[in-house]
N, C-alpha and C. Protein backbone atom coordinates (compact mmCIF):
# COMPACT_ATOMS: atom_id res chain seq x y z
N GLN A 1 37.77 -99.30 9.25
CA GLN A 1 38.40 -100.10 8.59
C GLN A 1 38.88 -101.08 9.53
N VAL A 2 38.30 -102.47 9.34
CA VAL A 2 38.98 -103.88 10.11
C VAL A 2 40.27 -103.93 9.20
N GLN A 3 41.26 -104.51 10.44
CA GLN A 3 42.20 -105.09 9.74
C GLN A 3 43.10 -106.31 10.91
N LEU A 4 44.06 -107.09 9.87
CA LEU A 4 43.88 -108.30 11.14
C LEU A 4 45.73 -108.20 11.22
N VAL A 5 46.14 -108.04 12.48
CA VAL A 5 47.76 -107.67 12.50
C VAL A 5 47.91 -108.99 13.10
N GLU A 6 49.00 -109.47 12.05
CA GLU A 6 49.58 -111.29 12.77
C GLU A 6 51.18 -110.94 13.84
N SER A 7 50.93 -111.37 14.41
CA SER A 7 52.61 -111.15 15.05
C SER A 7 53.33 -113.10 15.25
N GLY A 8 54.55 -112.83 15.85
CA GLY A 8 54.90 -114.77 16.28
C GLY A 8 55.73 -115.05 14.88
N GLY A 9 55.94 -115.20 13.85
CA GLY A 9 56.37 -116.29 13.07
C GLY A 9 58.27 -115.88 13.48
N GLY A 10 58.74 -116.87 12.87
CA GLY A 10 60.22 -116.67 13.09
C GLY A 10 60.73 -118.18 12.57
N LEU A 11 62.21 -117.92 12.54
CA LEU A 11 62.84 -119.47 12.37
C LEU A 11 62.79 -120.06 13.61
N VAL A 12 63.15 -121.87 13.65
CA VAL A 12 63.29 -122.51 14.25
C VAL A 12 64.01 -123.64 13.55
N GLN A 13 64.29 -124.86 14.97
CA GLN A 13 64.76 -125.93 14.68
C GLN A 13 63.36 -127.06 14.74
N ALA A 14 63.31 -128.21 14.24
CA ALA A 14 62.68 -128.73 14.19
C ALA A 14 62.94 -129.44 15.76
N GLY A 15 61.25 -129.95 16.17
CA GLY A 15 61.17 -130.63 17.25
C GLY A 15 61.12 -128.75 18.57
N GLU A 16 60.84 -127.42 18.08
CA GLU A 16 60.97 -126.53 18.77
C GLU A 16 59.51 -126.00 18.83
N SER A 17 59.15 -124.74 19.64
CA SER A 17 57.60 -124.32 19.43
C SER A 17 57.85 -123.03 18.75
N LEU A 18 56.69 -122.38 18.47
CA LEU A 18 56.65 -121.39 18.12
C LEU A 18 55.19 -120.99 18.62
N ALA A 19 54.74 -119.81 18.91
CA ALA A 19 53.83 -119.39 18.86
C ALA A 19 53.33 -118.54 17.64
N LEU A 20 51.92 -117.78 17.20
CA LEU A 20 51.55 -117.20 16.96
C LEU A 20 50.41 -116.36 16.91
N SER A 21 49.82 -115.29 16.75
CA SER A 21 49.34 -114.38 17.01
C SER A 21 48.20 -113.53 16.34
N CYS A 22 47.25 -113.28 16.17
CA CYS A 22 46.49 -112.35 15.23
C CYS A 22 45.41 -111.50 16.15
N ALA A 23 45.84 -109.96 16.01
CA ALA A 23 45.18 -109.61 16.72
C ALA A 23 43.96 -108.69 15.68
N ALA A 24 42.57 -108.35 15.64
CA ALA A 24 41.92 -107.46 14.85
C ALA A 24 41.55 -106.27 15.38
N SER A 25 41.63 -105.13 14.66
CA SER A 25 41.26 -103.84 15.34
C SER A 25 40.16 -103.05 14.05
N GLY A 26 39.60 -102.19 14.88
CA GLY A 26 38.87 -101.23 13.29
C GLY A 26 37.93 -101.21 14.75
N THR A 27 36.85 -101.15 13.60
CA THR A 27 34.78 -101.15 13.91
C THR A 27 34.18 -101.74 13.70
N PHE A 28 33.55 -102.70 14.60
CA PHE A 28 33.24 -103.84 14.26
C PHE A 28 32.16 -104.50 15.38
N PHE A 29 31.45 -105.40 15.52
CA PHE A 29 30.86 -105.84 15.97
C PHE A 29 30.46 -107.21 16.86
N SER A 30 31.14 -107.89 16.36
CA SER A 30 31.59 -108.92 16.46
C SER A 30 32.33 -110.13 15.39
N ILE A 31 33.18 -110.91 15.71
CA ILE A 31 34.04 -112.12 15.24
C ILE A 31 32.74 -113.25 15.19
N GLY A 32 32.88 -113.95 14.20
CA GLY A 32 32.88 -115.29 13.82
C GLY A 32 33.71 -116.21 13.95
N ILE A 33 34.12 -117.18 12.91
CA ILE A 33 34.98 -118.39 13.03
C ILE A 33 36.19 -117.48 12.84
N MET A 34 37.26 -117.92 13.01
CA MET A 34 38.90 -117.95 13.28
C MET A 34 39.67 -118.35 12.85
N ASN A 35 40.82 -118.50 11.21
CA ASN A 35 41.82 -119.51 11.33
C ASN A 35 42.87 -119.46 10.63
N TRP A 36 43.35 -119.99 10.94
CA TRP A 36 44.81 -120.31 10.50
C TRP A 36 45.00 -120.68 8.79
N TYR A 37 45.56 -120.28 8.19
CA TYR A 37 45.95 -121.03 6.81
C TYR A 37 47.38 -120.57 7.13
N ARG A 38 47.96 -121.78 5.91
CA ARG A 38 49.49 -121.47 5.85
C ARG A 38 49.34 -121.56 3.97
N GLN A 39 50.59 -121.79 3.29
CA GLN A 39 50.89 -121.57 2.08
C GLN A 39 52.36 -121.83 1.37
N VAL A 40 52.86 -122.61 1.05
CA VAL A 40 54.36 -122.34 0.81
C VAL A 40 54.69 -122.35 -0.90
N PRO A 41 54.96 -121.55 -1.75
CA PRO A 41 55.09 -121.07 -2.93
C PRO A 41 55.02 -122.45 -3.96
N GLY A 42 53.95 -122.20 -4.57
CA GLY A 42 53.65 -123.26 -5.84
C GLY A 42 52.40 -123.86 -5.38
N LYS A 43 52.30 -123.94 -4.01
CA LYS A 43 50.98 -124.80 -3.48
C LYS A 43 49.68 -123.71 -3.18
N GLN A 44 48.56 -124.40 -3.24
CA GLN A 44 47.28 -124.07 -2.38
C GLN A 44 47.43 -123.21 -1.46
N ARG A 45 47.01 -122.52 -0.80
CA ARG A 45 46.31 -122.21 0.62
C ARG A 45 45.99 -123.12 1.24
N GLU A 46 46.28 -123.47 2.56
CA GLU A 46 45.68 -124.67 3.09
C GLU A 46 45.22 -124.81 4.52
N LEU A 47 44.32 -124.92 4.82
CA LEU A 47 43.00 -124.68 6.23
C LEU A 47 44.51 -125.71 7.20
N VAL A 48 44.59 -124.60 8.38
CA VAL A 48 45.35 -125.63 9.31
C VAL A 48 44.72 -125.50 10.29
N ALA A 49 43.84 -124.49 10.37
CA ALA A 49 42.70 -124.89 11.88
C ALA A 49 42.08 -123.87 12.08
N ALA A 50 40.72 -124.22 12.65
CA ALA A 50 39.77 -123.30 12.80
C ALA A 50 39.18 -123.04 13.77
N ILE A 51 38.62 -121.69 14.78
CA ILE A 51 37.54 -122.27 16.16
C ILE A 51 36.58 -121.39 15.61
N THR A 52 35.69 -121.82 16.29
CA THR A 52 34.51 -120.84 16.04
C THR A 52 34.11 -119.48 17.81
N SER A 53 33.20 -119.02 17.42
CA SER A 53 32.71 -118.22 18.72
C SER A 53 32.76 -119.07 19.42
N GLY A 54 31.90 -120.36 19.52
CA GLY A 54 31.97 -121.05 20.30
C GLY A 54 32.90 -121.75 20.95
N ASP A 55 34.13 -122.04 20.73
CA ASP A 55 35.31 -122.20 20.65
C ASP A 55 35.47 -124.08 20.78
N ASN A 56 34.45 -123.95 19.16
CA ASN A 56 34.80 -125.24 19.02
C ASN A 56 35.85 -125.36 17.66
N THR A 57 37.19 -126.72 17.83
CA THR A 57 37.97 -126.30 16.75
C THR A 57 38.11 -127.60 15.75
N ASN A 58 39.16 -126.97 14.89
CA ASN A 58 39.16 -128.58 14.24
C ASN A 58 40.07 -128.06 13.24
N TYR A 59 41.19 -129.11 13.26
CA TYR A 59 43.05 -128.89 12.68
C TYR A 59 42.79 -129.74 11.56
N ALA A 60 43.96 -129.78 11.03
CA ALA A 60 44.11 -130.50 9.60
C ALA A 60 44.74 -131.32 10.11
N ASP A 61 44.91 -132.73 9.35
CA ASP A 61 45.13 -133.84 10.09
C ASP A 61 46.87 -133.86 9.73
N SER A 62 47.71 -132.99 9.65
CA SER A 62 48.43 -133.23 9.55
C SER A 62 49.23 -132.11 11.09
N VAL A 63 48.31 -132.10 11.48
CA VAL A 63 48.79 -130.76 12.48
C VAL A 63 48.35 -131.30 13.91
N LYS A 64 47.44 -132.06 13.94
CA LYS A 64 47.02 -132.63 15.40
C LYS A 64 47.66 -133.58 15.75
N GLY A 65 47.53 -132.60 17.50
CA GLY A 65 48.47 -132.91 18.44
C GLY A 65 49.64 -132.60 18.16
N ARG A 66 49.79 -131.45 17.31
CA ARG A 66 51.03 -130.47 17.57
C ARG A 66 50.54 -129.64 17.78
N PHE A 67 49.41 -128.48 16.88
CA PHE A 67 48.98 -127.35 17.18
C PHE A 67 47.82 -127.01 18.07
N THR A 68 47.72 -126.15 18.46
CA THR A 68 46.56 -125.93 19.02
C THR A 68 45.81 -123.98 18.88
N ILE A 69 44.57 -124.05 18.77
CA ILE A 69 44.07 -122.90 18.26
C ILE A 69 43.48 -122.29 19.64
N SER A 70 43.81 -120.78 19.77
CA SER A 70 42.56 -120.54 20.83
C SER A 70 42.26 -119.20 20.27
N ARG A 71 41.08 -118.70 21.45
CA ARG A 71 40.93 -117.50 20.61
C ARG A 71 40.76 -116.49 22.59
N ASP A 72 40.98 -115.32 22.05
CA ASP A 72 40.33 -114.26 23.41
C ASP A 72 39.36 -113.28 22.99
N ASN A 73 38.42 -113.93 23.29
CA ASN A 73 37.39 -112.68 23.22
C ASN A 73 37.59 -111.41 22.93
N THR A 74 38.05 -110.77 24.49
CA THR A 74 38.22 -110.17 25.06
C THR A 74 39.05 -108.65 23.94
N LYS A 75 39.78 -109.79 23.79
CA LYS A 75 41.27 -108.65 23.24
C LYS A 75 41.24 -109.25 21.32
N ASN A 76 40.01 -110.13 21.16
CA ASN A 76 39.44 -110.00 19.50
C ASN A 76 40.89 -110.25 18.81
N THR A 77 41.36 -111.52 19.28
CA THR A 77 42.70 -112.00 19.27
C THR A 77 42.67 -113.77 19.34
N VAL A 78 43.28 -114.29 18.24
CA VAL A 78 43.25 -115.57 17.65
C VAL A 78 44.87 -116.01 18.02
N TYR A 79 45.09 -116.77 18.67
CA TYR A 79 46.52 -117.30 18.84
C TYR A 79 46.19 -119.00 18.08
N LEU A 80 47.86 -119.59 17.62
CA LEU A 80 48.17 -121.13 17.03
C LEU A 80 49.60 -121.32 18.06
N GLN A 81 49.30 -122.36 18.52
CA GLN A 81 51.07 -122.93 19.37
C GLN A 81 51.08 -123.90 18.75
N MET A 82 52.13 -123.66 18.56
CA MET A 82 52.88 -124.96 17.59
C MET A 82 53.99 -124.92 18.00
N ASN A 83 53.55 -126.97 18.30
CA ASN A 83 54.84 -127.75 19.03
C ASN A 83 54.86 -128.70 18.06
N SER A 84 56.15 -129.18 18.45
CA SER A 84 57.05 -130.52 17.53
C SER A 84 57.14 -129.94 16.65
N LEU A 85 57.49 -128.81 15.79
CA LEU A 85 57.72 -128.25 14.95
C LEU A 85 58.55 -129.85 13.83
N LYS A 86 58.19 -129.27 12.41
CA LYS A 86 58.95 -129.94 11.66
C LYS A 86 59.15 -129.12 10.56
N PRO A 87 59.93 -129.38 9.33
CA PRO A 87 60.47 -128.80 8.67
C PRO A 87 59.27 -128.88 7.26
N GLU A 88 58.53 -129.99 7.31
CA GLU A 88 57.29 -129.07 6.55
C GLU A 88 56.56 -128.72 6.85
N ASP A 89 56.25 -127.64 8.41
CA ASP A 89 55.32 -126.81 8.14
C ASP A 89 55.67 -125.41 8.30
N THR A 90 56.96 -126.07 7.42
CA THR A 90 57.40 -123.98 6.90
C THR A 90 56.54 -124.24 5.98
N ALA A 91 55.90 -122.46 5.97
CA ALA A 91 54.90 -121.65 5.31
C ALA A 91 55.13 -120.72 5.60
N VAL A 92 54.35 -119.30 4.70
CA VAL A 92 53.59 -118.28 5.62
C VAL A 92 52.81 -118.59 6.02
N TYR A 93 52.11 -118.60 7.59
CA TYR A 93 51.34 -118.28 8.07
C TYR A 93 50.03 -117.08 8.06
N TYR A 94 49.03 -117.39 7.46
CA TYR A 94 47.88 -116.29 7.73
C TYR A 94 46.55 -116.77 8.74
N CYS A 95 46.41 -115.31 9.18
CA CYS A 95 44.84 -115.37 9.97
C CYS A 95 43.88 -114.95 8.88
N ASN A 96 42.67 -115.47 9.57
CA ASN A 96 41.42 -115.11 8.70
C ASN A 96 40.66 -115.42 9.60
N ALA A 97 39.65 -114.11 9.59
CA ALA A 97 38.54 -114.22 10.85
C ALA A 97 37.13 -113.40 9.42
N ARG A 98 36.30 -113.83 10.35
CA ARG A 98 34.76 -113.55 9.72
C ARG A 98 34.67 -112.20 10.68
N ILE A 99 34.08 -111.25 10.25
CA ILE A 99 33.78 -110.26 10.63
C ILE A 99 32.53 -109.54 10.50
N PHE A 100 31.54 -109.16 11.42
CA PHE A 100 30.64 -108.14 11.65
C PHE A 100 30.39 -107.16 11.62
N SER A 101 30.20 -106.13 10.61
CA SER A 101 30.58 -104.72 10.75
C SER A 101 29.16 -103.72 9.80
N THR A 102 29.74 -102.52 9.34
CA THR A 102 28.63 -102.22 9.13
C THR A 102 28.22 -102.33 7.52
N LEU A 103 29.53 -103.39 7.53
CA LEU A 103 29.55 -104.03 5.90
C LEU A 103 28.55 -105.22 6.18
N GLY A 104 27.91 -105.93 6.69
CA GLY A 104 27.78 -107.09 6.90
C GLY A 104 29.38 -108.09 7.37
N TRP A 105 28.44 -109.66 7.38
CA TRP A 105 30.06 -110.40 7.32
C TRP A 105 30.64 -110.73 6.60
N THR A 106 31.82 -110.51 6.43
CA THR A 106 32.98 -110.10 5.40
C THR A 106 34.50 -110.72 5.73
N ASP A 107 34.84 -111.42 5.38
CA ASP A 107 36.07 -112.26 5.57
C ASP A 107 37.41 -111.27 5.42
N TYR A 108 37.85 -111.57 6.53
CA TYR A 108 39.31 -110.21 6.51
C TYR A 108 40.33 -111.69 6.43
N TRP A 109 41.49 -111.08 6.40
CA TRP A 109 42.97 -111.72 6.10
C TRP A 109 44.24 -110.73 6.30
N GLY A 110 44.77 -111.48 7.25
CA GLY A 110 46.27 -110.59 8.08
C GLY A 110 47.47 -110.81 6.94
N GLN A 111 48.51 -110.42 7.18
CA GLN A 111 49.51 -109.71 6.15
C GLN A 111 50.31 -110.96 5.79
N GLY A 112 50.15 -112.00 6.82
CA GLY A 112 50.72 -113.20 6.68
C GLY A 112 52.36 -113.46 7.50
N THR A 113 52.85 -114.41 8.20
CA THR A 113 53.98 -114.19 8.57
C THR A 113 54.52 -115.38 8.39
N GLN A 114 56.07 -115.37 8.45
CA GLN A 114 56.93 -116.79 7.83
C GLN A 114 57.15 -117.18 8.76
N VAL A 115 56.94 -118.41 8.77
CA VAL A 115 57.48 -119.34 9.42
C VAL A 115 58.68 -120.32 8.84
N THR A 116 59.83 -120.91 9.91
CA THR A 116 60.60 -121.45 8.69
C THR A 116 61.08 -122.50 9.99
N VAL A 117 61.11 -123.79 9.65
CA VAL A 117 61.56 -124.96 10.78
C VAL A 117 63.04 -125.44 9.75
N SER A 118 63.81 -125.35 10.53
CA SER A 118 65.23 -125.84 9.95
C SER A 118 65.43 -127.11 10.27
N SER A 119 65.57 -127.94 9.57
CA SER A 119 66.24 -129.51 10.37
C SER A 119 67.51 -129.97 10.60
């Protein structure tokens, strides 16, 4: 069974930094694209950053220049370094990955981690 386990959320003040990580575990053959999403109550989940298996990255306009996504394929882990945090970055952050296993290519989600930025 494949699982994504996130860590690193918390409460910080505006302007500070926070790092999230998400590790895939279980039995699988490879990991494709890995993403970070976020969601606030009453709003749709939005894509924050994405990184392909070839390390191509993409960011939401609202986080460009402040957030950096990276991955360590030896550890099956994706990271999100968040700098210059703003109160509007407050949300539950979810990692997502497309993983190839005996089930074929399947999307998996982490459990979510709360990030709160106070002004």
